[in-house]
Protein backbone atom coordinates (compact mmCIF):
# COMPACT_ATOMS: atom_id res chain seq x y z
CA UNK A 1 193.57 95.41 77.73
CA UNK A 2 193.36 96.55 81.32
CA UNK A 3 191.59 99.61 82.60
CA UNK A 4 193.51 102.16 84.65
CA UNK A 5 192.95 101.99 88.36
CA UNK A 6 190.52 104.50 89.74
CA UNK A 7 190.83 106.30 92.98
CA UNK A 8 188.30 105.36 95.63
CA UNK A 9 187.53 109.01 96.21
CA UNK A 10 185.06 110.60 93.88
CA UNK A 11 186.05 114.04 92.68
CA UNK A 12 184.13 116.86 94.28
CA UNK A 13 183.20 119.98 92.35
CA UNK A 14 183.96 122.07 95.46
CA UNK A 15 186.97 121.99 97.69
CA UNK A 16 186.47 120.79 101.23
CA UNK A 17 187.20 124.29 102.57
CA UNK A 18 184.51 125.80 100.35
CA UNK A 19 182.08 123.10 101.42
CA UNK A 20 182.75 123.89 105.08
CA UNK A 21 182.17 127.61 104.52
CA UNK A 22 178.94 126.93 102.63
CA UNK A 23 177.59 124.57 105.29
CA UNK A 24 178.46 127.07 108.04
CA UNK A 25 176.82 129.94 106.17
CA UNK A 26 173.70 127.89 105.45
CA UNK A 27 173.27 126.94 109.11
CA UNK A 28 173.82 130.54 110.20
CA UNK A 29 171.42 131.87 107.58
CA UNK A 30 168.83 129.28 108.63
CA UNK A 31 168.76 130.61 112.17
CA UNK A 32 168.44 134.21 111.01
CA UNK A 33 165.75 133.29 108.48
CA UNK A 34 163.75 131.28 111.01
CA UNK A 35 163.95 134.15 113.50
CA UNK A 36 162.77 136.56 110.80
CA UNK A 37 159.78 134.34 110.07
CA UNK A 38 158.98 134.11 113.78
CA UNK A 39 159.15 137.88 114.11
CA UNK A 40 157.12 138.52 110.95
CA UNK A 41 154.26 136.20 111.86
CA UNK A 42 153.69 138.41 114.88
CA UNK A 43 150.70 137.72 117.04
CA UNK A 44 148.96 135.43 114.59
CA UNK A 45 150.66 132.27 115.92
CA UNK A 46 151.58 133.25 119.49
CA UNK A 47 149.91 131.24 122.22
CA UNK A 48 148.02 133.41 124.74
CA UNK A 49 149.72 133.82 128.09
CA UNK A 50 146.81 132.11 129.86
CA UNK A 51 147.29 128.98 127.75
CA UNK A 52 150.85 128.48 128.97
CA UNK A 53 150.85 126.76 132.37
CA UNK A 54 154.01 128.36 133.70
CA UNK A 55 156.65 130.18 131.72
CA UNK A 56 159.30 129.50 134.34
CA UNK A 57 159.34 125.86 133.28
CA UNK A 58 159.87 126.95 129.67
CA UNK A 59 162.73 129.29 130.55
CA UNK A 60 164.44 126.88 132.92
CA UNK A 61 164.23 123.99 130.47
CA UNK A 62 165.44 126.22 127.60
CA UNK A 63 168.32 127.38 129.79
CA UNK A 64 169.32 123.84 130.80
CA UNK A 65 169.12 122.46 127.27
CA UNK A 66 171.02 125.45 125.87
CA UNK A 67 173.74 125.33 128.51
CA UNK A 68 174.21 121.59 128.00
CA UNK A 69 174.39 121.80 124.22
CA UNK A 70 176.58 124.93 124.17
CA UNK A 71 178.92 123.22 126.65
CA UNK A 72 179.00 120.09 124.48
CA UNK A 73 179.83 122.27 121.47
CA UNK A 74 182.69 123.94 123.33
CA UNK A 75 184.00 120.56 124.50
CA UNK A 76 183.76 119.07 121.01
CA UNK A 77 185.38 122.11 119.38
CA UNK A 78 188.22 121.90 121.88
CA UNK A 79 188.87 118.31 120.88
CA UNK A 80 189.20 119.06 117.18
CA UNK A 81 192.77 118.45 116.08
CA UNK A 82 194.81 121.47 115.07
CA UNK A 83 196.09 121.67 111.53
CA UNK A 84 199.77 120.77 111.23
CA UNK A 85 201.87 122.87 108.90
CA UNK A 86 202.35 119.96 106.50
CA UNK A 87 198.60 119.50 105.99
CA UNK A 88 196.66 121.65 103.53
CA UNK A 89 193.40 123.27 104.54
CA UNK A 90 191.41 121.09 102.14
CA UNK A 91 192.95 117.92 103.51
CA UNK A 92 192.23 119.02 107.09
CA UNK A 93 188.61 119.73 106.16
CA UNK A 94 188.27 116.36 104.43
CA UNK A 95 189.32 114.69 107.67
CA UNK A 96 187.38 116.89 110.12
CA UNK A 97 184.32 118.27 108.34
CA UNK A 98 182.01 115.82 110.10
CA UNK A 99 183.31 116.86 113.52
CA UNK A 100 182.90 120.55 112.69
CA UNK A 101 179.33 119.96 111.53
CA UNK A 102 178.62 118.28 114.88
CA UNK A 103 179.91 121.40 116.67
CA UNK A 104 177.76 123.66 114.49
CA UNK A 105 174.72 121.43 115.05
CA UNK A 106 175.20 121.57 118.81
CA UNK A 107 175.21 125.37 118.55
CA UNK A 108 172.26 125.54 116.15
CA UNK A 109 169.87 123.37 118.16
CA UNK A 110 169.43 125.72 121.16
CA UNK A 111 169.25 128.68 118.81
CA UNK A 112 166.35 127.09 116.92
CA UNK A 113 164.66 126.01 120.17
CA UNK A 114 164.90 129.56 121.51
CA UNK A 115 163.42 130.89 118.30
CA UNK A 116 160.55 128.40 118.56
CA UNK A 117 159.97 129.53 122.16
CA UNK A 118 159.88 133.12 120.91
CA UNK A 119 157.46 132.12 118.15
CA UNK A 120 155.12 130.58 120.71
CA UNK A 121 155.37 133.22 123.44
CA UNK A 122 156.61 136.44 121.79
CA UNK A 123 158.69 136.96 124.92
CA UNK A 124 162.07 138.47 124.12
CA UNK A 125 163.76 136.65 127.02
CA UNK A 126 163.60 133.45 124.98
CA UNK A 127 165.81 135.11 122.33
CA UNK A 128 168.83 134.85 124.62
CA UNK A 129 169.59 131.33 123.33
CA UNK A 130 169.51 132.36 119.63
CA UNK A 131 171.68 135.39 120.42
CA UNK A 132 174.29 133.25 122.19
CA UNK A 133 174.03 130.69 119.38
CA UNK A 134 174.79 133.35 116.77
CA UNK A 135 177.78 134.54 118.79
CA UNK A 136 179.07 130.98 119.02
CA UNK A 137 178.52 130.50 115.29
CA UNK A 138 180.78 133.48 114.69
CA UNK A 139 183.27 132.06 117.17
CA UNK A 140 183.27 128.63 115.53
CA UNK A 141 183.62 129.92 111.97
CA UNK A 142 185.55 127.71 109.54
CA UNK A 143 188.67 129.90 109.49
CA UNK A 144 188.92 129.62 113.28
CA UNK A 145 189.40 125.86 113.09
CA UNK A 146 192.38 126.17 110.75
CA UNK A 147 194.75 127.96 113.13
CA UNK A 148 198.16 126.35 112.71
CA UNK A 149 199.95 125.32 115.86
């Protein structure tokens, strides 16, 4: 008696498209939640202005890191293959979910760093990176990657 051959892929309880939407929503919610915590803690954690050597260094480094990572995200998103008509959305996501998560991670990192800078300084200028990150998260939503060409 021989056993039937099994597929090498394990069945997933969620489709790949649903997984992509859930991962995207979790990353987006994480940024909003972390910003809410930073805002709520108020002045209890903020470092006094005198303790920071020079805020220009903080802003310039945050700007350079954010610009580099946002540019890398745009470059990586541009290199994602488009979905051919013959390929289903789930199959496309099975092939490209890792690449999309890399794009979302490149967008999330400066947003979290800007929120940490806001947590430490309570200076609203450091919230520019999280704001741009949230806009890019909306721009790189899962449905945007599935445009058929």
